[in-house]
Amino acid sequence: MKVIIVALAFVAVAAAAAVDYVPQILRSESDQSPDGSYQYAFESDDGTKREEVGQATEILNEEGKPQKVVFVRGSFSYKDSEGNLQEIVYTADDKGFHPEGPSIPKSVSRR
């Protein structure tokens, strides 16, 4: 029983040491307009970065009536577990979420 308690104590110490580093925010910006449009960006000292812009617009719904929506475009990047920089660029609109980047699988077209 003592061996299990000692082993669990070592695991707890190792786990605490692994999450000891907390990235520092280098830049953080945000702005929101009354119409729902916005801009957002942040960057941390571990290489994580995100930028996003939302543009309020009006489209016609299925019934042909105007509907307010926000179209989004942005990007984020981070270092993966192997230290490689991963970057994703995306848009979101009335057709869905559309990410692109080397780590995103390409869709297969059917003929």
PDB file of N, CA and C in Angstrom:
ATOM      1  N   MET A   1       0.818  -1.182   0.000  1.00  0.00           N
ATOM      2  CA  MET A   1       0.000   0.000   0.000  1.00  0.00           C
ATOM      3  C   MET A   1       0.871   1.258   0.000  1.00  0.00           C
ATOM      4  N   LYS A   2       1.956   1.233   0.805  1.00  0.00           N
ATOM      5  CA  LYS A   2       2.846   2.383   0.859  1.00  0.00           C
ATOM      6  C   LYS A   2       3.503   2.626  -0.493  1.00  0.00           C
ATOM      7  N   VAL A   3       3.798   1.544  -1.219  1.00  0.00           N
ATOM      8  CA  VAL A   3       4.429   1.671  -2.535  1.00  0.00           C
ATOM      9  C   VAL A   3       3.487   2.388  -3.496  1.00  0.00           C
ATOM     10  N   ILE A   4       2.206   2.068  -3.447  1.00  0.00           N
ATOM     11  CA  ILE A   4       1.230   2.709  -4.332  1.00  0.00           C
ATOM     12  C   ILE A   4       1.119   4.195  -4.003  1.00  0.00           C
ATOM     13  N   ILE A   5       1.082   4.527  -2.721  1.00  0.00           N
ATOM     14  CA  ILE A   5       0.971   5.933  -2.313  1.00  0.00           C
ATOM     15  C   ILE A   5       2.206   6.717  -2.750  1.00  0.00           C
ATOM     16  N   VAL A   6       3.377   6.138  -2.586  1.00  0.00           N
ATOM     17  CA  VAL A   6       4.618   6.802  -3.009  1.00  0.00           C
ATOM     18  C   VAL A   6       4.636   6.965  -4.523  1.00  0.00           C
ATOM     19  N   ALA A   7       4.211   5.948  -5.249  1.00  0.00           N
ATOM     20  CA  ALA A   7       4.176   6.024  -6.709  1.00  0.00           C
ATOM     21  C   ALA A   7       3.211   7.106  -7.177  1.00  0.00           C
ATOM     22  N   LEU A   8       2.039   7.184  -6.556  1.00  0.00           N
ATOM     23  CA  LEU A   8       1.078   8.225  -6.913  1.00  0.00           C
ATOM     24  C   LEU A   8       1.605   9.617  -6.580  1.00  0.00           C
ATOM     25  N   ALA A   9       2.352   9.730  -5.506  1.00  0.00           N
ATOM     26  CA  ALA A   9       2.956  11.018  -5.156  1.00  0.00           C
ATOM     27  C   ALA A   9       3.962  11.452  -6.221  1.00  0.00           C
ATOM     28  N   PHE A  10       4.769  10.516  -6.724  1.00  0.00           N
ATOM     29  CA  PHE A  10       5.725  10.833  -7.787  1.00  0.00           C
ATOM     30  C   PHE A  10       4.998  11.248  -9.066  1.00  0.00           C
ATOM     31  N   VAL A  11       3.921  10.562  -9.389  1.00  0.00           N
ATOM     32  CA  VAL A  11       3.139  10.913 -10.579  1.00  0.00           C
ATOM     33  C   VAL A  11       2.563  12.320 -10.428  1.00  0.00           C
ATOM     34  N   ALA A  12       2.044  12.644  -9.257  1.00  0.00           N
ATOM     35  CA  ALA A  12       1.477  13.974  -9.012  1.00  0.00           C
ATOM     36  C   ALA A  12       2.538  15.061  -9.153  1.00  0.00           C
ATOM     37  N   VAL A  13       3.722  14.840  -8.630  1.00  0.00           N
ATOM     38  CA  VAL A  13       4.812  15.818  -8.738  1.00  0.00           C
ATOM     39  C   VAL A  13       5.235  15.981 -10.192  1.00  0.00           C
ATOM     40  N   ALA A  14       5.346  14.881 -10.919  1.00  0.00           N
ATOM     41  CA  ALA A  14       5.733  14.952 -12.333  1.00  0.00           C
ATOM     42  C   ALA A  14       4.677  15.682 -13.146  1.00  0.00           C
ATOM     43  N   ALA A  15       3.399  15.416 -12.884  1.00  0.00           N
ATOM     44  CA  ALA A  15       2.326  16.088 -13.612  1.00  0.00           C
ATOM     45  C   ALA A  15       2.318  17.578 -13.312  1.00  0.00           C
ATOM     46  N   ALA A  16       2.546  17.960 -12.079  1.00  0.00           N
ATOM     47  CA  ALA A  16       2.578  19.377 -11.708  1.00  0.00           C
ATOM     48  C   ALA A  16       3.746  20.087 -12.384  1.00  0.00           C
ATOM     49  N   ALA A  17       4.869  19.422 -12.490  1.00  0.00           N
ATOM     50  CA  ALA A  17       6.037  20.020 -13.143  1.00  0.00           C
ATOM     51  C   ALA A  17       5.792  20.199 -14.639  1.00  0.00           C
ATOM     52  N   ALA A  18       5.028  19.294 -15.251  1.00  0.00           N
ATOM     53  CA  ALA A  18       4.781  19.354 -16.689  1.00  0.00           C
ATOM     54  C   ALA A  18       3.907  20.542 -17.076  1.00  0.00           C
ATOM     55  N   VAL A  19       3.017  20.991 -16.207  1.00  0.00           N
ATOM     56  CA  VAL A  19       2.138  22.112 -16.520  1.00  0.00           C
ATOM     57  C   VAL A  19       2.544  23.383 -15.780  1.00  0.00           C
ATOM     58  N   ASP A  20       3.766  23.458 -15.348  1.00  0.00           N
ATOM     59  CA  ASP A  20       4.252  24.602 -14.579  1.00  0.00           C
ATOM     60  C   ASP A  20       4.318  25.879 -15.420  1.00  0.00           C
ATOM     61  N   TYR A  21       4.592  25.772 -16.723  1.00  0.00           N
ATOM     62  CA  TYR A  21       4.748  26.942 -17.580  1.00  0.00           C
ATOM     63  C   TYR A  21       3.389  27.469 -18.035  1.00  0.00           C
ATOM     64  N   VAL A  22       3.150  28.737 -17.825  1.00  0.00           N
ATOM     65  CA  VAL A  22       1.936  29.399 -18.295  1.00  0.00           C
ATOM     66  C   VAL A  22       2.370  30.467 -19.296  1.00  0.00           C
ATOM     67  N   PRO A  23       1.945  30.347 -20.564  1.00  0.00           N
ATOM     68  CA  PRO A  23       2.346  31.335 -21.568  1.00  0.00           C
ATOM     69  C   PRO A  23       1.902  32.744 -21.194  1.00  0.00           C
ATOM     70  N   GLN A  24       2.715  33.718 -21.531  1.00  0.00           N
ATOM     71  CA  GLN A  24       2.405  35.119 -21.273  1.00  0.00           C
ATOM     72  C   GLN A  24       1.780  35.740 -22.524  1.00  0.00           C
ATOM     73  N   ILE A  25       0.765  36.542 -22.335  1.00  0.00           N
ATOM     74  CA  ILE A  25       0.112  37.232 -23.442  1.00  0.00           C
ATOM     75  C   ILE A  25       0.967  38.432 -23.836  1.00  0.00           C
ATOM     76  N   LEU A  26       1.369  38.477 -25.108  1.00  0.00           N
ATOM     77  CA  LEU A  26       2.169  39.587 -25.617  1.00  0.00           C
ATOM     78  C   LEU A  26       1.292  40.693 -26.197  1.00  0.00           C
ATOM     79  N   ARG A  27       0.157  40.285 -26.775  1.00  0.00           N
ATOM     80  CA  ARG A  27      -0.737  41.246 -27.426  1.00  0.00           C
ATOM     81  C   ARG A  27      -2.158  40.718 -27.331  1.00  0.00           C
ATOM     82  N   SER A  28      -3.087  41.586 -27.014  1.00  0.00           N
ATOM     83  CA  SER A  28      -4.499  41.227 -26.960  1.00  0.00           C
ATOM     84  C   SER A  28      -5.313  42.437 -27.366  1.00  0.00           C
ATOM     85  N   GLU A  29      -6.070  42.316 -28.449  1.00  0.00           N
ATOM     86  CA  GLU A  29      -6.859  43.431 -28.964  1.00  0.00           C
ATOM     87  C   GLU A  29      -8.259  42.936 -29.297  1.00  0.00           C
ATOM     88  N   SER A  30      -9.250  43.754 -29.046  1.00  0.00           N
ATOM     89  CA  SER A  30     -10.607  43.419 -29.475  1.00  0.00           C
ATOM     90  C   SER A  30     -11.418  44.700 -29.640  1.00  0.00           C
ATOM     91  N   ASP A  31     -12.324  44.661 -30.581  1.00  0.00           N
ATOM     92  CA  ASP A  31     -13.191  45.800 -30.856  1.00  0.00           C
ATOM     93  C   ASP A  31     -14.499  45.252 -31.407  1.00  0.00           C
ATOM     94  N   GLN A  32     -15.617  45.732 -30.880  1.00  0.00           N
ATOM     95  CA  GLN A  32     -16.917  45.283 -31.364  1.00  0.00           C
ATOM     96  C   GLN A  32     -17.772  46.483 -31.701  1.00  0.00           C
ATOM     97  N   SER A  33     -18.418  46.419 -32.865  1.00  0.00           N
ATOM     98  CA  SER A  33     -19.310  47.494 -33.310  1.00  0.00           C
ATOM     99  C   SER A  33     -20.740  47.166 -32.902  1.00  0.00           C
ATOM    100  N   PRO A  34     -21.587  48.176 -32.775  1.00  0.00           N
ATOM    101  CA  PRO A  34     -22.989  47.945 -32.419  1.00  0.00           C
ATOM    102  C   PRO A  34     -23.740  47.032 -33.406  1.00  0.00           C
ATOM    103  N   ASP A  35     -23.308  47.002 -34.679  1.00  0.00           N
ATOM    104  CA  ASP A  35     -24.009  46.167 -35.666  1.00  0.00           C
ATOM    105  C   ASP A  35     -23.626  44.698 -35.583  1.00  0.00           C
ATOM    106  N   GLY A  36     -22.675  44.342 -34.688  1.00  0.00           N
ATOM    107  CA  GLY A  36     -22.257  42.943 -34.538  1.00  0.00           C
ATOM    108  C   GLY A  36     -20.915  42.634 -35.171  1.00  0.00           C
ATOM    109  N   SER A  37     -20.388  43.544 -35.984  1.00  0.00           N
ATOM    110  CA  SER A  37     -19.051  43.350 -36.560  1.00  0.00           C
ATOM    111  C   SER A  37     -18.019  43.425 -35.441  1.00  0.00           C
ATOM    112  N   TYR A  38     -16.895  42.744 -35.624  1.00  0.00           N
ATOM    113  CA  TYR A  38     -15.864  42.759 -34.591  1.00  0.00           C
ATOM    114  C   TYR A  38     -14.501  42.431 -35.165  1.00  0.00           C
ATOM    115  N   GLN A  39     -13.465  42.744 -34.385  1.00  0.00           N
ATOM    116  CA  GLN A  39     -12.088  42.353 -34.660  1.00  0.00           C
ATOM    117  C   GLN A  39     -11.503  41.829 -33.366  1.00  0.00           C
ATOM    118  N   TYR A  40     -10.669  40.790 -33.481  1.00  0.00           N
ATOM    119  CA  TYR A  40     -10.108  40.161 -32.293  1.00  0.00           C
ATOM    120  C   TYR A  40      -8.730  39.625 -32.651  1.00  0.00           C
ATOM    121  N   ALA A  41      -7.766  39.805 -31.758  1.00  0.00           N
ATOM    122  CA  ALA A  41      -6.425  39.266 -32.000  1.00  0.00           C
ATOM    123  C   ALA A  41      -5.692  39.079 -30.678  1.00  0.00           C
ATOM    124  N   PHE A  42      -4.874  38.031 -30.626  1.00  0.00           N
ATOM    125  CA  PHE A  42      -3.968  37.877 -29.491  1.00  0.00           C
ATOM    126  C   PHE A  42      -2.746  37.096 -29.932  1.00  0.00           C
ATOM    127  N   GLU A  43      -1.686  37.248 -29.143  1.00  0.00           N
ATOM    128  CA  GLU A  43      -0.433  36.545 -29.397  1.00  0.00           C
ATOM    129  C   GLU A  43       0.232  36.279 -28.055  1.00  0.00           C
ATOM    130  N   SER A  44       0.770  35.072 -27.890  1.00  0.00           N
ATOM    131  CA  SER A  44       1.450  34.733 -26.644  1.00  0.00           C
ATOM    132  C   SER A  44       2.908  34.373 -26.920  1.00  0.00           C
ATOM    133  N   ASP A  45       3.697  34.323 -25.865  1.00  0.00           N
ATOM    134  CA  ASP A  45       5.137  34.105 -26.024  1.00  0.00           C
ATOM    135  C   ASP A  45       5.513  32.671 -26.391  1.00  0.00           C
ATOM    136  N   ASP A  46       4.541  31.754 -26.430  1.00  0.00           N
ATOM    137  CA  ASP A  46       4.842  30.384 -26.859  1.00  0.00           C
ATOM    138  C   ASP A  46       4.606  30.179 -28.352  1.00  0.00           C
ATOM    139  N   GLY A  47       4.308  31.275 -29.088  1.00  0.00           N
ATOM    140  CA  GLY A  47       4.107  31.185 -30.531  1.00  0.00           C
ATOM    141  C   GLY A  47       2.652  31.078 -30.940  1.00  0.00           C
ATOM    142  N   THR A  48       1.749  30.977 -29.995  1.00  0.00           N
ATOM    143  CA  THR A  48       0.325  30.910 -30.322  1.00  0.00           C
ATOM    144  C   THR A  48      -0.146  32.288 -30.762  1.00  0.00           C
ATOM    145  N   LYS A  49      -0.953  32.302 -31.834  1.00  0.00           N
ATOM    146  CA  LYS A  49      -1.417  33.565 -32.392  1.00  0.00           C
ATOM    147  C   LYS A  49      -2.803  33.348 -32.995  1.00  0.00           C
ATOM    148  N   ARG A  50      -3.685  34.338 -32.840  1.00  0.00           N
ATOM    149  CA  ARG A  50      -5.015  34.238 -33.446  1.00  0.00           C
ATOM    150  C   ARG A  50      -5.474  35.625 -33.851  1.00  0.00           C
ATOM    151  N   GLU A  51      -6.070  35.704 -35.031  1.00  0.00           N
ATOM    152  CA  GLU A  51      -6.655  36.946 -35.529  1.00  0.00           C
ATOM    153  C   GLU A  51      -7.982  36.595 -36.189  1.00  0.00           C
ATOM    154  N   GLU A  52      -9.013  37.419 -35.934  1.00  0.00           N
ATOM    155  CA  GLU A  52     -10.324  37.130 -36.499  1.00  0.00           C
ATOM    156  C   GLU A  52     -11.087  38.425 -36.717  1.00  0.00           C
ATOM    157  N   VAL A  53     -11.832  38.465 -37.824  1.00  0.00           N
ATOM    158  CA  VAL A  53     -12.681  39.604 -38.157  1.00  0.00           C
ATOM    159  C   VAL A  53     -14.068  39.068 -38.474  1.00  0.00           C
ATOM    160  N   GLY A  54     -15.075  39.668 -37.865  1.00  0.00           N
ATOM    161  CA  GLY A  54     -16.463  39.317 -38.158  1.00  0.00           C
ATOM    162  C   GLY A  54     -17.145  40.503 -38.804  1.00  0.00           C
ATOM    163  N   GLN A  55     -17.753  40.268 -39.966  1.00  0.00           N
ATOM    164  CA  GLN A  55     -18.413  41.340 -40.703  1.00  0.00           C
ATOM    165  C   GLN A  55     -19.917  41.104 -40.713  1.00  0.00           C
ATOM    166  N   ALA A  56     -20.665  42.001 -40.081  1.00  0.00           N
ATOM    167  CA  ALA A  56     -22.125  41.889 -40.078  1.00  0.00           C
ATOM    168  C   ALA A  56     -22.652  42.198 -41.468  1.00  0.00           C
ATOM    169  N   THR A  57     -23.583  41.387 -41.905  1.00  0.00           N
ATOM    170  CA  THR A  57     -24.190  41.577 -43.219  1.00  0.00           C
ATOM    171  C   THR A  57     -25.605  41.032 -43.183  1.00  0.00           C
ATOM    172  N   GLU A  58     -26.328  41.258 -44.240  1.00  0.00           N
ATOM    173  CA  GLU A  58     -27.708  40.783 -44.317  1.00  0.00           C
ATOM    174  C   GLU A  58     -27.842  39.879 -45.536  1.00  0.00           C
ATOM    175  N   ILE A  59     -28.450  38.716 -45.338  1.00  0.00           N
ATOM    176  CA  ILE A  59     -28.702  37.788 -46.438  1.00  0.00           C
ATOM    177  C   ILE A  59     -30.182  37.428 -46.426  1.00  0.00           C
ATOM    178  N   LEU A  60     -30.635  36.770 -47.477  1.00  0.00           N
ATOM    179  CA  LEU A  60     -32.012  36.303 -47.528  1.00  0.00           C
ATOM    180  C   LEU A  60     -32.082  34.873 -47.019  1.00  0.00           C
ATOM    181  N   ASN A  61     -33.027  34.592 -46.135  1.00  0.00           N
ATOM    182  CA  ASN A  61     -33.190  33.224 -45.639  1.00  0.00           C
ATOM    183  C   ASN A  61     -33.980  32.385 -46.646  1.00  0.00           C
ATOM    184  N   GLU A  62     -34.338  31.160 -46.268  1.00  0.00           N
ATOM    185  CA  GLU A  62     -35.039  30.248 -47.182  1.00  0.00           C
ATOM    186  C   GLU A  62     -36.386  30.793 -47.645  1.00  0.00           C
ATOM    187  N   GLU A  63     -36.975  31.651 -46.843  1.00  0.00           N
ATOM    188  CA  GLU A  63     -38.279  32.237 -47.179  1.00  0.00           C
ATOM    189  C   GLU A  63     -38.137  33.542 -47.952  1.00  0.00           C
ATOM    190  N   GLY A  64     -36.897  33.938 -48.264  1.00  0.00           N
ATOM    191  CA  GLY A  64     -36.655  35.168 -49.003  1.00  0.00           C
ATOM    192  C   GLY A  64     -36.697  36.418 -48.146  1.00  0.00           C
ATOM    193  N   LYS A  65     -36.695  36.259 -46.828  1.00  0.00           N
ATOM    194  CA  LYS A  65     -36.726  37.400 -45.926  1.00  0.00           C
ATOM    195  C   LYS A  65     -35.308  37.757 -45.481  1.00  0.00           C
ATOM    196  N   PRO A  66     -35.022  39.052 -45.304  1.00  0.00           N
ATOM    197  CA  PRO A  66     -33.675  39.458 -44.860  1.00  0.00           C
ATOM    198  C   PRO A  66     -33.377  38.947 -43.448  1.00  0.00           C
ATOM    199  N   GLN A  67     -32.135  38.524 -43.279  1.00  0.00           N
ATOM    200  CA  GLN A  67     -31.679  38.000 -41.986  1.00  0.00           C
ATOM    201  C   GLN A  67     -30.274  38.525 -41.734  1.00  0.00           C
ATOM    202  N   LYS A  68     -30.026  39.041 -40.520  1.00  0.00           N
ATOM    203  CA  LYS A  68     -28.698  39.541 -40.176  1.00  0.00           C
ATOM    204  C   LYS A  68     -27.813  38.368 -39.773  1.00  0.00           C
ATOM    205  N   VAL A  69     -26.599  38.349 -40.328  1.00  0.00           N
ATOM    206  CA  VAL A  69     -25.604  37.314 -40.002  1.00  0.00           C
ATOM    207  C   VAL A  69     -24.233  37.965 -39.902  1.00  0.00           C
ATOM    208  N   VAL A  70     -23.282  37.223 -39.371  1.00  0.00           N
ATOM    209  CA  VAL A  70     -21.898  37.688 -39.295  1.00  0.00           C
ATOM    210  C   VAL A  70     -21.031  36.692 -40.056  1.00  0.00           C
ATOM    211  N   PHE A  71     -20.363  37.168 -41.094  1.00  0.00           N
ATOM    212  CA  PHE A  71     -19.389  36.358 -41.825  1.00  0.00           C
ATOM    213  C   PHE A  71     -18.042  36.551 -41.152  1.00  0.00           C
ATOM    214  N   VAL A  72     -17.298  35.466 -40.989  1.00  0.00           N
ATOM    215  CA  VAL A  72     -16.044  35.497 -40.240  1.00  0.00           C
ATOM    216  C   VAL A  72     -14.891  35.048 -41.124  1.00  0.00           C
ATOM    217  N   ARG A  73     -13.748  35.684 -40.961  1.00  0.00           N
ATOM    218  CA  ARG A  73     -12.500  35.210 -41.561  1.00  0.00           C
ATOM    219  C   ARG A  73     -11.411  35.390 -40.527  1.00  0.00           C
ATOM    220  N   GLY A  74     -10.479  34.462 -40.516  1.00  0.00           N
ATOM    221  CA  GLY A  74      -9.426  34.565 -39.527  1.00  0.00           C
ATOM    222  C   GLY A  74      -8.358  33.515 -39.698  1.00  0.00           C
ATOM    223  N   SER A  75      -7.463  33.482 -38.729  1.00  0.00           N
ATOM    224  CA  SER A  75      -6.381  32.500 -38.747  1.00  0.00           C
ATOM    225  C   SER A  75      -5.891  32.280 -37.317  1.00  0.00           C
ATOM    226  N   PHE A  76      -5.295  31.124 -37.115  1.00  0.00           N
ATOM    227  CA  PHE A  76      -4.603  30.875 -35.858  1.00  0.00           C
ATOM    228  C   PHE A  76      -3.391  30.012 -36.137  1.00  0.00           C
ATOM    229  N   SER A  77      -2.388  30.141 -35.282  1.00  0.00           N
ATOM    230  CA  SER A  77      -1.178  29.344 -35.437  1.00  0.00           C
ATOM    231  C   SER A  77      -0.664  28.972 -34.052  1.00  0.00           C
ATOM    232  N   TYR A  78       0.056  27.858 -34.019  1.00  0.00           N
ATOM    233  CA  TYR A  78       0.606  27.339 -32.768  1.00  0.00           C
ATOM    234  C   TYR A  78       1.735  26.378 -33.106  1.00  0.00           C
ATOM    235  N   LYS A  79       2.546  26.066 -32.121  1.00  0.00           N
ATOM    236  CA  LYS A  79       3.594  25.062 -32.307  1.00  0.00           C
ATOM    237  C   LYS A  79       3.056  23.729 -31.811  1.00  0.00           C
ATOM    238  N   ASP A  80       3.160  22.709 -32.670  1.00  0.00           N
ATOM    239  CA  ASP A  80       2.673  21.389 -32.283  1.00  0.00           C
ATOM    240  C   ASP A  80       3.652  20.711 -31.324  1.00  0.00           C
ATOM    241  N   SER A  81       3.339  19.481 -30.937  1.00  0.00           N
ATOM    242  CA  SER A  81       4.159  18.779 -29.938  1.00  0.00           C
ATOM    243  C   SER A  81       5.582  18.518 -30.418  1.00  0.00           C
ATOM    244  N   GLU A  82       5.806  18.600 -31.743  1.00  0.00           N
ATOM    245  CA  GLU A  82       7.151  18.396 -32.291  1.00  0.00           C
ATOM    246  C   GLU A  82       7.867  19.723 -32.549  1.00  0.00           C
ATOM    247  N   GLY A  83       7.234  20.843 -32.181  1.00  0.00           N
ATOM    248  CA  GLY A  83       7.853  22.149 -32.352  1.00  0.00           C
ATOM    249  C   GLY A  83       7.638  22.780 -33.714  1.00  0.00           C
ATOM    250  N   ASN A  84       6.818  22.162 -34.567  1.00  0.00           N
ATOM    251  CA  ASN A  84       6.540  22.709 -35.888  1.00  0.00           C
ATOM    252  C   ASN A  84       5.397  23.715 -35.809  1.00  0.00           C
ATOM    253  N   LEU A  85       5.530  24.812 -36.541  1.00  0.00           N
ATOM    254  CA  LEU A  85       4.477  25.816 -36.569  1.00  0.00           C
ATOM    255  C   LEU A  85       3.326  25.319 -37.434  1.00  0.00           C
ATOM    256  N   GLN A  86       2.132  25.309 -36.873  1.00  0.00           N
ATOM    257  CA  GLN A  86       0.923  24.931 -37.591  1.00  0.00           C
ATOM    258  C   GLN A  86       0.082  26.186 -37.775  1.00  0.00           C
ATOM    259  N   GLU A  87      -0.385  26.437 -38.991  1.00  0.00           N
ATOM    260  CA  GLU A  87      -1.222  27.603 -39.241  1.00  0.00           C
ATOM    261  C   GLU A  87      -2.492  27.182 -39.969  1.00  0.00           C
ATOM    262  N   ILE A  88      -3.610  27.680 -39.484  1.00  0.00           N
ATOM    263  CA  ILE A  88      -4.913  27.409 -40.071  1.00  0.00           C
ATOM    264  C   ILE A  88      -5.551  28.743 -40.431  1.00  0.00           C
ATOM    265  N   VAL A  89      -6.059  28.842 -41.654  1.00  0.00           N
ATOM    266  CA  VAL A  89      -6.797  30.009 -42.122  1.00  0.00           C
ATOM    267  C   VAL A  89      -8.230  29.537 -42.332  1.00  0.00           C
ATOM    268  N   TYR A  90      -9.209  30.347 -41.968  1.00  0.00           N
ATOM    269  CA  TYR A  90     -10.589  29.897 -42.073  1.00  0.00           C
ATOM    270  C   TYR A  90     -11.544  31.034 -42.414  1.00  0.00           C
ATOM    271  N   THR A  91     -12.689  30.645 -42.917  1.00  0.00           N
ATOM    272  CA  THR A  91     -13.828  31.532 -43.089  1.00  0.00           C
ATOM    273  C   THR A  91     -15.052  30.804 -42.561  1.00  0.00           C
ATOM    274  N   ALA A  92     -16.049  31.556 -42.189  1.00  0.00           N
ATOM    275  CA  ALA A  92     -17.339  30.999 -41.791  1.00  0.00           C
ATOM    276  C   ALA A  92     -18.406  31.911 -42.371  1.00  0.00           C
ATOM    277  N   ASP A  93     -19.317  31.313 -43.113  1.00  0.00           N
ATOM    278  CA  ASP A  93     -20.356  32.092 -43.775  1.00  0.00           C
ATOM    279  C   ASP A  93     -21.658  31.304 -43.789  1.00  0.00           C
ATOM    280  N   ASP A  94     -22.577  31.714 -44.636  1.00  0.00           N
ATOM    281  CA  ASP A  94     -23.867  31.036 -44.695  1.00  0.00           C
ATOM    282  C   ASP A  94     -23.761  29.621 -45.269  1.00  0.00           C
ATOM    283  N   LYS A  95     -22.603  29.257 -45.783  1.00  0.00           N
ATOM    284  CA  LYS A  95     -22.379  27.903 -46.310  1.00  0.00           C
ATOM    285  C   LYS A  95     -21.633  27.008 -45.327  1.00  0.00           C
ATOM    286  N   GLY A  96     -21.184  27.558 -44.180  1.00  0.00           N
ATOM    287  CA  GLY A  96     -20.506  26.750 -43.166  1.00  0.00           C
ATOM    288  C   GLY A  96     -19.131  27.267 -42.795  1.00  0.00           C
ATOM    289  N   PHE A  97     -18.392  26.414 -42.082  1.00  0.00           N
ATOM    290  CA  PHE A  97     -17.033  26.708 -41.615  1.00  0.00           C
ATOM    291  C   PHE A  97     -16.056  26.094 -42.602  1.00  0.00           C
ATOM    292  N   HIS A  98     -15.051  26.867 -43.051  1.00  0.00           N
ATOM    293  CA  HIS A  98     -14.127  26.432 -44.103  1.00  0.00           C
ATOM    294  C   HIS A  98     -12.683  26.632 -43.663  1.00  0.00           C
ATOM    295  N   PRO A  99     -12.076  25.653 -42.990  1.00  0.00           N
ATOM    296  CA  PRO A  99     -10.671  25.774 -42.584  1.00  0.00           C
ATOM    297  C   PRO A  99      -9.732  25.286 -43.688  1.00  0.00           C
ATOM    298  N   GLU A 100      -8.554  25.867 -43.749  1.00  0.00           N
ATOM    299  CA  GLU A 100      -7.520  25.438 -44.685  1.00  0.00           C
ATOM    300  C   GLU A 100      -6.176  25.493 -43.987  1.00  0.00           C
ATOM    301  N   GLY A 101      -5.340  24.516 -44.283  1.00  0.00           N
ATOM    302  CA  GLY A 101      -3.998  24.484 -43.727  1.00  0.00           C
ATOM    303  C   GLY A 101      -3.391  23.117 -43.942  1.00  0.00           C
ATOM    304  N   PRO A 102      -2.084  23.002 -43.779  1.00  0.00           N
ATOM    305  CA  PRO A 102      -1.408  21.734 -44.042  1.00  0.00           C
ATOM    306  C   PRO A 102      -1.901  20.581 -43.167  1.00  0.00           C
ATOM    307  N   SER A 103      -2.386  20.878 -41.963  1.00  0.00           N
ATOM    308  CA  SER A 103      -2.833  19.803 -41.075  1.00  0.00           C
ATOM    309  C   SER A 103      -4.318  19.464 -41.246  1.00  0.00           C
ATOM    310  N   ILE A 104      -5.018  20.195 -42.120  1.00  0.00           N
ATOM    311  CA  ILE A 104      -6.437  19.925 -42.376  1.00  0.00           C
ATOM    312  C   ILE A 104      -6.536  18.980 -43.571  1.00  0.00           C
ATOM    313  N   PRO A 105      -7.214  17.838 -43.416  1.00  0.00           N
ATOM    314  CA  PRO A 105      -7.368  16.913 -44.553  1.00  0.00           C
ATOM    315  C   PRO A 105      -8.135  17.580 -45.695  1.00  0.00           C
ATOM    316  N   LYS A 106      -7.727  17.295 -46.894  1.00  0.00           N
ATOM    317  CA  LYS A 106      -8.406  17.816 -48.083  1.00  0.00           C
ATOM    318  C   LYS A 106      -9.638  16.973 -48.345  1.00  0.00           C
ATOM    319  N   SER A 107     -10.720  17.613 -48.769  1.00  0.00           N
ATOM    320  CA  SER A 107     -11.929  16.863 -49.073  1.00  0.00           C
ATOM    321  C   SER A 107     -11.737  16.109 -50.387  1.00  0.00           C
ATOM    322  N   VAL A 108     -12.381  14.985 -50.488  1.00  0.00           N
ATOM    323  CA  VAL A 108     -12.308  14.151 -51.677  1.00  0.00           C
ATOM    324  C   VAL A 108     -13.517  14.442 -52.523  1.00  0.00           C
ATOM    325  N   SER A 109     -13.294  14.801 -53.782  1.00  0.00           N
ATOM    326  CA  SER A 109     -14.433  15.061 -54.667  1.00  0.00           C
ATOM    327  C   SER A 109     -14.836  13.764 -55.350  1.00  0.00           C
ATOM    328  N   ARG A 110     -16.121  13.583 -55.487  1.00  0.00           N
ATOM    329  CA  ARG A 110     -16.648  12.385 -56.144  1.00  0.00           C
ATOM    330  C   ARG A 110     -17.126  12.755 -57.526  1.00  0.00           C
ATOM    331  N   ARG A 111     -16.916  11.858 -58.466  1.00  0.00           N
ATOM    332  CA  ARG A 111     -17.362  12.115 -59.838  1.00  0.00           C
ATOM    333  C   ARG A 111     -18.385  11.110 -60.242  1.00  0.00           C
TER     334      ARG A 111
END
